[in-house]
Amino acid sequence: MTHQRTDGVPSAAAPGACLEALRERLAADGCAVTATDRDDHRVLIGSRSDRKVRWFGTRVELFVLAAAVPTVDSTALAEFTGWALTHVKGLRGGLPGARDATRVLPALVSGSVQRSAARWAAEDARILGTSLIARPLTVETSAPGAARVTMYAGGVVWGGMFTRHVLEKAALYYP
């Protein structure tokens, strides 16, 4: 999934404004919102838990981790995604795999996103173990209120019944 709105010139304040707007959307959707630090960057964390009959009573925990950085390349996005999966593994509740699934949306926000990073985000979901699946995102801001979001929007073999839910939430949080 890639979508774009452009309505201005690049701004150093745009990534910060994007994160503040994300925080507001997460809170409005009923997410618990916290923050932590990683490599001199503040990481916004939103989390929610949902259980639906069509998922046969399985609970899915969704974690959104986002940080504003000066530039995003594929190495930085891969490292952030790996860190996010490991960090969430320590945060999640319940028994992994026992009617619990965890989905992670790690996002790096910047005024400068290299094409290789956007391609890496769009090519596939990343899996840790059997119950943690990440869909990394790049968010390129050109001005406050304008962004180009790139992420993998396809299905996954393991845990695919949650795909629509995760994509709907991603579209809500990163419009």
N, C-alpha and C. Protein backbone atom coordinates (compact mmCIF):
# COMPACT_ATOMS: atom_id res chain seq x y z
N MET A 1 0.86 -1.16 0.00
CA MET A 1 0.00 0.00 0.00
C MET A 1 0.90 1.22 0.00
N THR A 2 0.69 2.08 -0.93
CA THR A 2 1.37 3.36 -0.97
C THR A 2 0.32 4.40 -1.28
N HIS A 3 0.24 5.41 -0.46
CA HIS A 3 -0.64 6.53 -0.78
C HIS A 3 0.10 7.82 -0.45
N GLN A 4 -0.33 8.88 -1.09
CA GLN A 4 0.40 10.12 -0.97
C GLN A 4 -0.54 11.31 -1.02
N ARG A 5 -0.26 12.27 -0.17
CA ARG A 5 -0.87 13.60 -0.24
C ARG A 5 0.27 14.58 -0.25
N THR A 6 0.25 15.51 -1.13
CA THR A 6 1.27 16.55 -1.11
C THR A 6 0.58 17.90 -1.18
N ASP A 7 0.97 18.76 -0.28
CA ASP A 7 0.36 20.08 -0.27
C ASP A 7 1.30 21.14 0.30
N GLY A 8 2.60 20.95 0.07
CA GLY A 8 3.52 21.96 0.58
C GLY A 8 4.96 21.58 0.37
N VAL A 9 5.84 22.38 0.89
CA VAL A 9 7.26 22.14 0.77
C VAL A 9 7.76 21.38 1.99
N PRO A 10 8.90 20.67 1.87
CA PRO A 10 9.41 19.93 3.01
C PRO A 10 9.65 20.83 4.23
N SER A 11 9.45 20.25 5.38
CA SER A 11 9.62 20.98 6.63
C SER A 11 10.24 20.08 7.67
N ALA A 12 11.17 20.59 8.44
CA ALA A 12 11.78 19.80 9.50
C ALA A 12 10.77 19.47 10.59
N ALA A 13 9.73 20.27 10.72
CA ALA A 13 8.71 20.04 11.74
C ALA A 13 7.70 18.98 11.32
N ALA A 14 7.66 18.63 10.04
CA ALA A 14 6.66 17.70 9.54
C ALA A 14 6.69 16.33 10.21
N PRO A 15 7.85 15.67 10.40
CA PRO A 15 7.83 14.36 11.07
C PRO A 15 7.27 14.44 12.50
N GLY A 16 7.63 15.49 13.24
CA GLY A 16 7.10 15.65 14.59
C GLY A 16 5.60 15.85 14.59
N ALA A 17 5.10 16.64 13.65
CA ALA A 17 3.66 16.86 13.53
C ALA A 17 2.95 15.58 13.14
N CYS A 18 3.60 14.79 12.30
CA CYS A 18 3.03 13.50 11.89
C CYS A 18 2.89 12.56 13.10
N LEU A 19 3.92 12.52 13.94
CA LEU A 19 3.86 11.67 15.14
C LEU A 19 2.80 12.15 16.12
N GLU A 20 2.65 13.46 16.27
CA GLU A 20 1.62 13.99 17.16
C GLU A 20 0.23 13.64 16.64
N ALA A 21 0.03 13.75 15.34
CA ALA A 21 -1.26 13.37 14.75
C ALA A 21 -1.51 11.88 14.91
N LEU A 22 -0.45 11.07 14.77
CA LEU A 22 -0.57 9.63 14.98
C LEU A 22 -0.98 9.34 16.42
N ARG A 23 -0.33 10.01 17.37
CA ARG A 23 -0.67 9.81 18.79
C ARG A 23 -2.15 10.09 19.02
N GLU A 24 -2.66 11.16 18.43
CA GLU A 24 -4.08 11.51 18.59
C GLU A 24 -4.99 10.46 17.97
N ARG A 25 -4.63 9.95 16.79
CA ARG A 25 -5.47 8.92 16.14
C ARG A 25 -5.45 7.62 16.94
N LEU A 26 -4.30 7.26 17.47
CA LEU A 26 -4.21 6.04 18.29
C LEU A 26 -5.10 6.17 19.53
N ALA A 27 -4.99 7.29 20.22
CA ALA A 27 -5.81 7.51 21.42
C ALA A 27 -7.29 7.51 21.08
N ALA A 28 -7.66 8.15 19.98
CA ALA A 28 -9.07 8.21 19.57
C ALA A 28 -9.62 6.83 19.25
N ASP A 29 -8.75 5.91 18.82
CA ASP A 29 -9.18 4.55 18.50
C ASP A 29 -9.15 3.63 19.72
N GLY A 30 -8.85 4.17 20.88
CA GLY A 30 -8.86 3.37 22.10
C GLY A 30 -7.56 2.66 22.41
N CYS A 31 -6.48 3.04 21.77
CA CYS A 31 -5.18 2.44 22.05
C CYS A 31 -4.58 3.01 23.32
N ALA A 32 -3.85 2.18 24.04
CA ALA A 32 -3.00 2.67 25.12
C ALA A 32 -1.79 3.28 24.43
N VAL A 33 -1.42 4.50 24.81
CA VAL A 33 -0.33 5.20 24.15
C VAL A 33 0.76 5.50 25.17
N THR A 34 1.97 5.05 24.85
CA THR A 34 3.14 5.30 25.69
C THR A 34 4.29 5.71 24.78
N ALA A 35 5.47 5.79 25.35
CA ALA A 35 6.65 6.12 24.55
C ALA A 35 7.87 5.52 25.24
N THR A 36 8.93 5.35 24.47
CA THR A 36 10.22 4.90 24.99
C THR A 36 11.29 5.54 24.13
N ASP A 37 12.54 5.34 24.50
CA ASP A 37 13.65 5.89 23.74
C ASP A 37 14.45 4.76 23.10
N ARG A 38 14.93 5.03 21.88
CA ARG A 38 15.81 4.11 21.17
C ARG A 38 16.78 4.93 20.34
N ASP A 39 18.07 4.74 20.56
CA ASP A 39 19.11 5.42 19.78
C ASP A 39 18.86 6.93 19.67
N ASP A 40 18.64 7.59 20.76
CA ASP A 40 18.44 9.04 20.79
C ASP A 40 17.18 9.51 20.08
N HIS A 41 16.24 8.61 19.83
CA HIS A 41 14.97 8.98 19.21
C HIS A 41 13.84 8.52 20.12
N ARG A 42 12.83 9.36 20.22
CA ARG A 42 11.64 9.01 20.99
C ARG A 42 10.78 8.11 20.10
N VAL A 43 10.33 6.98 20.66
CA VAL A 43 9.48 6.04 19.93
C VAL A 43 8.09 6.06 20.56
N LEU A 44 7.12 6.42 19.75
CA LEU A 44 5.72 6.42 20.16
C LEU A 44 5.22 4.98 20.07
N ILE A 45 4.51 4.52 21.10
CA ILE A 45 3.98 3.15 21.10
C ILE A 45 2.49 3.20 21.39
N GLY A 46 1.73 2.62 20.50
CA GLY A 46 0.29 2.47 20.70
C GLY A 46 -0.03 0.99 20.69
N SER A 47 -0.95 0.57 21.55
CA SER A 47 -1.31 -0.85 21.57
C SER A 47 -2.79 -1.02 21.87
N ARG A 48 -3.35 -2.07 21.30
CA ARG A 48 -4.75 -2.42 21.53
C ARG A 48 -4.89 -3.92 21.37
N SER A 49 -5.97 -4.44 21.92
CA SER A 49 -6.25 -5.86 21.86
C SER A 49 -7.68 -6.05 21.37
N ASP A 50 -7.87 -6.95 20.43
CA ASP A 50 -9.20 -7.21 19.87
C ASP A 50 -9.44 -8.72 19.80
N ARG A 51 -10.69 -9.10 20.02
CA ARG A 51 -11.09 -10.50 19.90
C ARG A 51 -12.40 -10.50 19.12
N LYS A 52 -12.48 -11.34 18.09
CA LYS A 52 -13.68 -11.39 17.27
C LYS A 52 -14.11 -12.83 17.04
N VAL A 53 -15.41 -13.02 16.90
CA VAL A 53 -15.95 -14.35 16.66
C VAL A 53 -15.38 -14.95 15.38
N ARG A 54 -15.26 -14.12 14.32
CA ARG A 54 -14.77 -14.66 13.05
C ARG A 54 -13.32 -15.13 13.13
N TRP A 55 -12.61 -14.75 14.20
CA TRP A 55 -11.26 -15.23 14.42
C TRP A 55 -11.27 -16.44 15.36
N PHE A 56 -12.45 -17.01 15.55
CA PHE A 56 -12.62 -18.19 16.41
C PHE A 56 -12.16 -17.91 17.84
N GLY A 57 -12.43 -16.70 18.30
CA GLY A 57 -12.11 -16.32 19.67
C GLY A 57 -10.65 -15.96 19.92
N THR A 58 -9.84 -15.97 18.89
CA THR A 58 -8.43 -15.61 19.05
C THR A 58 -8.32 -14.11 19.32
N ARG A 59 -7.44 -13.78 20.21
CA ARG A 59 -7.18 -12.38 20.53
C ARG A 59 -5.97 -11.92 19.73
N VAL A 60 -6.09 -10.78 19.08
CA VAL A 60 -4.95 -10.20 18.38
C VAL A 60 -4.57 -8.90 19.08
N GLU A 61 -3.30 -8.81 19.40
CA GLU A 61 -2.74 -7.59 19.96
C GLU A 61 -2.06 -6.85 18.82
N LEU A 62 -2.36 -5.57 18.69
CA LEU A 62 -1.74 -4.74 17.67
C LEU A 62 -0.88 -3.69 18.34
N PHE A 63 0.37 -3.61 17.92
CA PHE A 63 1.31 -2.62 18.44
C PHE A 63 1.77 -1.73 17.29
N VAL A 64 1.74 -0.45 17.52
CA VAL A 64 2.23 0.54 16.56
C VAL A 64 3.43 1.22 17.22
N LEU A 65 4.58 1.16 16.58
CA LEU A 65 5.78 1.81 17.08
C LEU A 65 6.26 2.75 15.99
N ALA A 66 6.43 4.02 16.31
CA ALA A 66 6.83 5.01 15.30
C ALA A 66 7.85 5.97 15.89
N ALA A 67 8.84 6.30 15.04
CA ALA A 67 9.88 7.24 15.45
C ALA A 67 10.19 8.17 14.29
N ALA A 68 10.46 9.42 14.61
CA ALA A 68 10.90 10.40 13.62
C ALA A 68 12.43 10.35 13.57
N VAL A 69 12.95 10.22 12.36
CA VAL A 69 14.40 10.15 12.15
C VAL A 69 14.79 11.10 11.01
N PRO A 70 16.07 11.49 10.93
CA PRO A 70 16.47 12.42 9.87
C PRO A 70 16.31 11.83 8.47
N THR A 71 16.66 10.56 8.30
CA THR A 71 16.52 9.89 7.00
C THR A 71 16.24 8.42 7.22
N VAL A 72 15.55 7.80 6.26
CA VAL A 72 15.22 6.38 6.36
C VAL A 72 15.85 5.66 5.19
N ASP A 73 16.70 4.68 5.50
CA ASP A 73 17.22 3.78 4.47
C ASP A 73 16.81 2.36 4.85
N SER A 74 17.07 1.42 3.97
CA SER A 74 16.61 0.05 4.22
C SER A 74 17.28 -0.57 5.44
N THR A 75 18.53 -0.23 5.69
CA THR A 75 19.22 -0.77 6.87
C THR A 75 18.57 -0.25 8.15
N ALA A 76 18.31 1.05 8.22
CA ALA A 76 17.68 1.63 9.40
C ALA A 76 16.29 1.04 9.63
N LEU A 77 15.53 0.85 8.55
CA LEU A 77 14.18 0.28 8.69
C LEU A 77 14.24 -1.16 9.14
N ALA A 78 15.18 -1.94 8.60
CA ALA A 78 15.33 -3.34 9.01
C ALA A 78 15.72 -3.43 10.48
N GLU A 79 16.66 -2.58 10.90
CA GLU A 79 17.08 -2.59 12.31
C GLU A 79 15.94 -2.17 13.23
N PHE A 80 15.20 -1.14 12.84
CA PHE A 80 14.08 -0.68 13.66
C PHE A 80 13.00 -1.76 13.73
N THR A 81 12.73 -2.43 12.63
CA THR A 81 11.73 -3.51 12.62
C THR A 81 12.16 -4.65 13.54
N GLY A 82 13.43 -5.05 13.46
CA GLY A 82 13.94 -6.10 14.35
C GLY A 82 13.84 -5.69 15.80
N TRP A 83 14.22 -4.44 16.10
CA TRP A 83 14.11 -3.94 17.47
C TRP A 83 12.66 -3.93 17.92
N ALA A 84 11.75 -3.48 17.04
CA ALA A 84 10.33 -3.40 17.40
C ALA A 84 9.77 -4.78 17.72
N LEU A 85 10.10 -5.77 16.92
CA LEU A 85 9.61 -7.13 17.18
C LEU A 85 10.13 -7.65 18.52
N THR A 86 11.40 -7.44 18.79
CA THR A 86 11.98 -7.88 20.06
C THR A 86 11.36 -7.12 21.23
N HIS A 87 11.19 -5.80 21.07
CA HIS A 87 10.60 -4.98 22.13
C HIS A 87 9.17 -5.42 22.43
N VAL A 88 8.39 -5.64 21.39
CA VAL A 88 6.99 -6.06 21.57
C VAL A 88 6.91 -7.45 22.18
N LYS A 89 7.83 -8.32 21.83
CA LYS A 89 7.84 -9.67 22.41
C LYS A 89 7.88 -9.59 23.94
N GLY A 90 8.58 -8.60 24.47
CA GLY A 90 8.64 -8.41 25.92
C GLY A 90 7.44 -7.69 26.50
N LEU A 91 6.65 -7.00 25.66
CA LEU A 91 5.51 -6.24 26.15
C LEU A 91 4.19 -7.00 26.12
N ARG A 92 4.05 -7.90 25.17
CA ARG A 92 2.75 -8.51 24.95
C ARG A 92 2.31 -9.38 26.12
N GLY A 93 0.98 -9.52 26.22
CA GLY A 93 0.41 -10.33 27.28
C GLY A 93 -0.06 -11.66 26.73
N GLY A 94 -0.54 -12.50 27.61
CA GLY A 94 -1.09 -13.78 27.17
C GLY A 94 -0.03 -14.78 26.79
N LEU A 95 -0.50 -15.94 26.34
CA LEU A 95 0.39 -17.01 25.91
C LEU A 95 0.56 -16.95 24.40
N PRO A 96 1.79 -16.78 23.92
CA PRO A 96 1.99 -16.69 22.48
C PRO A 96 1.52 -17.96 21.78
N GLY A 97 0.72 -17.78 20.75
CA GLY A 97 0.25 -18.90 19.97
C GLY A 97 -0.97 -19.59 20.53
N ALA A 98 -1.23 -19.46 21.82
CA ALA A 98 -2.37 -20.12 22.45
C ALA A 98 -3.57 -19.19 22.38
N ARG A 99 -4.17 -19.09 21.20
CA ARG A 99 -5.32 -18.23 20.96
C ARG A 99 -4.98 -16.76 21.13
N ASP A 100 -3.69 -16.45 20.98
CA ASP A 100 -3.22 -15.07 20.99
C ASP A 100 -2.29 -14.87 19.81
N ALA A 101 -2.42 -13.74 19.15
CA ALA A 101 -1.54 -13.38 18.04
C ALA A 101 -1.14 -11.93 18.22
N THR A 102 0.03 -11.59 17.74
CA THR A 102 0.53 -10.23 17.88
C THR A 102 0.95 -9.71 16.51
N ARG A 103 0.49 -8.51 16.19
CA ARG A 103 0.85 -7.84 14.94
C ARG A 103 1.51 -6.52 15.29
N VAL A 104 2.54 -6.16 14.53
CA VAL A 104 3.34 -4.99 14.82
C VAL A 104 3.42 -4.11 13.57
N LEU A 105 3.20 -2.82 13.76
CA LEU A 105 3.36 -1.84 12.69
C LEU A 105 4.51 -0.90 13.07
N PRO A 106 5.77 -1.27 12.74
CA PRO A 106 6.90 -0.39 13.03
C PRO A 106 7.05 0.64 11.91
N ALA A 107 7.10 1.91 12.26
CA ALA A 107 7.16 2.97 11.24
C ALA A 107 8.29 3.94 11.55
N LEU A 108 9.04 4.27 10.51
CA LEU A 108 10.01 5.36 10.60
C LEU A 108 9.47 6.52 9.78
N VAL A 109 9.45 7.69 10.40
CA VAL A 109 8.89 8.90 9.80
C VAL A 109 10.03 9.87 9.53
N SER A 110 10.08 10.40 8.31
CA SER A 110 11.16 11.30 7.95
C SER A 110 10.77 12.16 6.75
N GLY A 111 11.45 13.25 6.60
CA GLY A 111 11.30 14.05 5.40
C GLY A 111 12.10 13.47 4.25
N SER A 112 12.95 12.48 4.54
CA SER A 112 13.80 11.86 3.53
C SER A 112 13.76 10.34 3.66
N VAL A 113 13.01 9.70 2.77
CA VAL A 113 12.93 8.23 2.76
C VAL A 113 13.54 7.75 1.44
N GLN A 114 14.59 6.94 1.54
CA GLN A 114 15.21 6.39 0.33
C GLN A 114 14.28 5.36 -0.32
N ARG A 115 14.33 5.29 -1.64
CA ARG A 115 13.47 4.35 -2.37
C ARG A 115 13.70 2.91 -1.93
N SER A 116 14.94 2.57 -1.61
CA SER A 116 15.23 1.19 -1.19
C SER A 116 14.48 0.84 0.10
N ALA A 117 14.33 1.81 0.99
CA ALA A 117 13.60 1.57 2.24
C ALA A 117 12.12 1.38 1.96
N ALA A 118 11.55 2.21 1.10
CA ALA A 118 10.14 2.06 0.74
C ALA A 118 9.90 0.72 0.06
N ARG A 119 10.81 0.31 -0.83
CA ARG A 119 10.68 -1.01 -1.49
C ARG A 119 10.74 -2.13 -0.46
N TRP A 120 11.67 -2.02 0.50
CA TRP A 120 11.83 -3.06 1.51
C TRP A 120 10.55 -3.18 2.35
N ALA A 121 9.95 -2.04 2.69
CA ALA A 121 8.70 -2.06 3.48
C ALA A 121 7.57 -2.69 2.68
N ALA A 122 7.52 -2.43 1.39
CA ALA A 122 6.41 -2.89 0.55
C ALA A 122 6.52 -4.34 0.12
N GLU A 123 7.68 -4.94 0.27
CA GLU A 123 7.87 -6.26 -0.32
C GLU A 123 7.29 -7.42 0.47
N ASP A 124 7.21 -7.36 1.79
CA ASP A 124 6.68 -8.49 2.54
C ASP A 124 6.56 -8.14 4.02
N ALA A 125 5.79 -8.97 4.73
CA ALA A 125 5.71 -8.87 6.18
C ALA A 125 6.94 -9.57 6.76
N ARG A 126 7.29 -9.24 7.99
CA ARG A 126 8.43 -9.87 8.66
C ARG A 126 7.91 -10.65 9.84
N ILE A 127 8.42 -11.87 10.04
CA ILE A 127 7.88 -12.77 11.06
C ILE A 127 8.96 -13.11 12.07
N LEU A 128 8.57 -13.09 13.36
CA LEU A 128 9.44 -13.52 14.44
C LEU A 128 8.69 -14.63 15.17
N GLY A 129 9.22 -15.83 15.15
CA GLY A 129 8.54 -16.96 15.76
C GLY A 129 7.28 -17.31 14.99
N THR A 130 6.25 -17.74 15.70
CA THR A 130 5.01 -18.13 15.02
C THR A 130 3.86 -17.19 15.27
N SER A 131 4.04 -16.20 16.15
CA SER A 131 2.89 -15.35 16.46
C SER A 131 3.17 -13.86 16.40
N LEU A 132 4.36 -13.45 16.00
CA LEU A 132 4.68 -12.04 15.84
C LEU A 132 4.92 -11.74 14.36
N ILE A 133 4.08 -10.91 13.78
CA ILE A 133 4.23 -10.52 12.38
C ILE A 133 4.26 -9.01 12.31
N ALA A 134 5.29 -8.48 11.64
CA ALA A 134 5.44 -7.03 11.48
C ALA A 134 5.18 -6.64 10.04
N ARG A 135 4.55 -5.49 9.87
CA ARG A 135 4.39 -4.86 8.57
C ARG A 135 5.04 -3.49 8.68
N PRO A 136 6.35 -3.42 8.35
CA PRO A 136 7.06 -2.14 8.47
C PRO A 136 6.49 -1.09 7.54
N LEU A 137 6.57 0.16 7.97
CA LEU A 137 6.09 1.29 7.18
C LEU A 137 7.17 2.34 7.07
N THR A 138 7.18 3.02 5.93
CA THR A 138 7.93 4.25 5.82
C THR A 138 6.89 5.36 5.66
N VAL A 139 7.13 6.47 6.32
CA VAL A 139 6.25 7.63 6.22
C VAL A 139 7.13 8.81 5.84
N GLU A 140 7.01 9.23 4.59
CA GLU A 140 7.79 10.36 4.11
C GLU A 140 6.93 11.61 4.18
N THR A 141 7.36 12.57 4.98
CA THR A 141 6.61 13.81 5.16
C THR A 141 7.22 14.88 4.28
N SER A 142 6.38 15.59 3.59
CA SER A 142 6.89 16.70 2.79
C SER A 142 6.53 18.03 3.43
N ALA A 143 5.52 18.02 4.29
CA ALA A 143 5.08 19.21 5.03
C ALA A 143 4.08 18.75 6.07
N PRO A 144 3.80 19.54 7.09
CA PRO A 144 2.76 19.14 8.04
C PRO A 144 1.46 18.87 7.29
N GLY A 145 0.87 17.71 7.56
CA GLY A 145 -0.38 17.34 6.91
C GLY A 145 -0.21 16.63 5.59
N ALA A 146 1.04 16.37 5.17
CA ALA A 146 1.28 15.68 3.91
C ALA A 146 2.23 14.52 4.15
N ALA A 147 1.93 13.36 3.56
CA ALA A 147 2.79 12.20 3.78
C ALA A 147 2.62 11.19 2.66
N ARG A 148 3.69 10.40 2.44
CA ARG A 148 3.64 9.25 1.55
C ARG A 148 3.94 8.04 2.43
N VAL A 149 2.96 7.14 2.54
CA VAL A 149 3.08 5.96 3.40
C VAL A 149 3.27 4.74 2.52
N THR A 150 4.25 3.90 2.86
CA THR A 150 4.49 2.67 2.12
C THR A 150 4.57 1.52 3.10
N MET A 151 3.82 0.44 2.79
CA MET A 151 3.86 -0.78 3.60
C MET A 151 3.39 -1.95 2.75
N TYR A 152 3.63 -3.16 3.22
CA TYR A 152 3.18 -4.37 2.56
C TYR A 152 1.68 -4.53 2.81
N ALA A 153 0.90 -4.67 1.75
CA ALA A 153 -0.55 -4.79 1.89
C ALA A 153 -1.07 -6.16 1.48
N GLY A 154 -0.17 -7.10 1.22
CA GLY A 154 -0.58 -8.44 0.82
C GLY A 154 -0.87 -9.32 2.01
N GLY A 155 -1.23 -10.55 1.73
CA GLY A 155 -1.52 -11.51 2.77
C GLY A 155 -0.27 -12.20 3.28
N VAL A 156 -0.44 -12.93 4.35
CA VAL A 156 0.63 -13.75 4.91
C VAL A 156 0.09 -15.16 5.08
N VAL A 157 0.95 -16.14 4.96
CA VAL A 157 0.52 -17.52 5.08
C VAL A 157 0.12 -17.82 6.52
N TRP A 158 0.96 -17.43 7.46
CA TRP A 158 0.70 -17.69 8.87
C TRP A 158 -0.02 -16.49 9.47
N GLY A 159 -1.21 -16.69 10.02
CA GLY A 159 -1.94 -15.60 10.67
C GLY A 159 -2.66 -14.69 9.70
N GLY A 160 -2.96 -15.18 8.50
CA GLY A 160 -3.59 -14.36 7.48
C GLY A 160 -5.00 -13.91 7.79
N MET A 161 -5.68 -14.56 8.74
CA MET A 161 -7.05 -14.15 9.04
C MET A 161 -7.13 -12.76 9.67
N PHE A 162 -6.00 -12.23 10.12
CA PHE A 162 -5.99 -10.90 10.74
C PHE A 162 -5.60 -9.80 9.76
N THR A 163 -5.28 -10.16 8.52
CA THR A 163 -4.76 -9.20 7.54
C THR A 163 -5.68 -8.01 7.36
N ARG A 164 -6.96 -8.26 7.11
CA ARG A 164 -7.88 -7.15 6.87
C ARG A 164 -7.94 -6.21 8.06
N HIS A 165 -8.00 -6.75 9.26
CA HIS A 165 -8.04 -5.95 10.48
C HIS A 165 -6.80 -5.05 10.59
N VAL A 166 -5.63 -5.62 10.37
CA VAL A 166 -4.39 -4.87 10.49
C VAL A 166 -4.31 -3.78 9.42
N LEU A 167 -4.70 -4.10 8.20
CA LEU A 167 -4.67 -3.10 7.13
C LEU A 167 -5.68 -1.98 7.38
N GLU A 168 -6.84 -2.31 7.93
CA GLU A 168 -7.82 -1.27 8.27
C GLU A 168 -7.26 -0.34 9.34
N LYS A 169 -6.62 -0.91 10.35
CA LYS A 169 -6.04 -0.08 11.42
C LYS A 169 -4.90 0.77 10.87
N ALA A 170 -4.05 0.19 10.01
CA ALA A 170 -2.95 0.96 9.42
C ALA A 170 -3.50 2.14 8.62
N ALA A 171 -4.56 1.92 7.86
CA ALA A 171 -5.16 3.01 7.08
C ALA A 171 -5.78 4.08 7.99
N LEU A 172 -6.29 3.67 9.15
CA LEU A 172 -6.85 4.62 10.10
C LEU A 172 -5.74 5.45 10.76
N TYR A 173 -4.64 4.80 11.12
CA TYR A 173 -3.56 5.49 11.82
C TYR A 173 -2.66 6.32 10.90
N TYR A 174 -2.53 5.86 9.64
CA TYR A 174 -1.69 6.56 8.66
C TYR A 174 -2.52 6.91 7.43
N PRO A 175 -3.47 7.85 7.57
CA PRO A 175 -4.36 8.16 6.42
C PRO A 175 -3.63 8.87 5.28
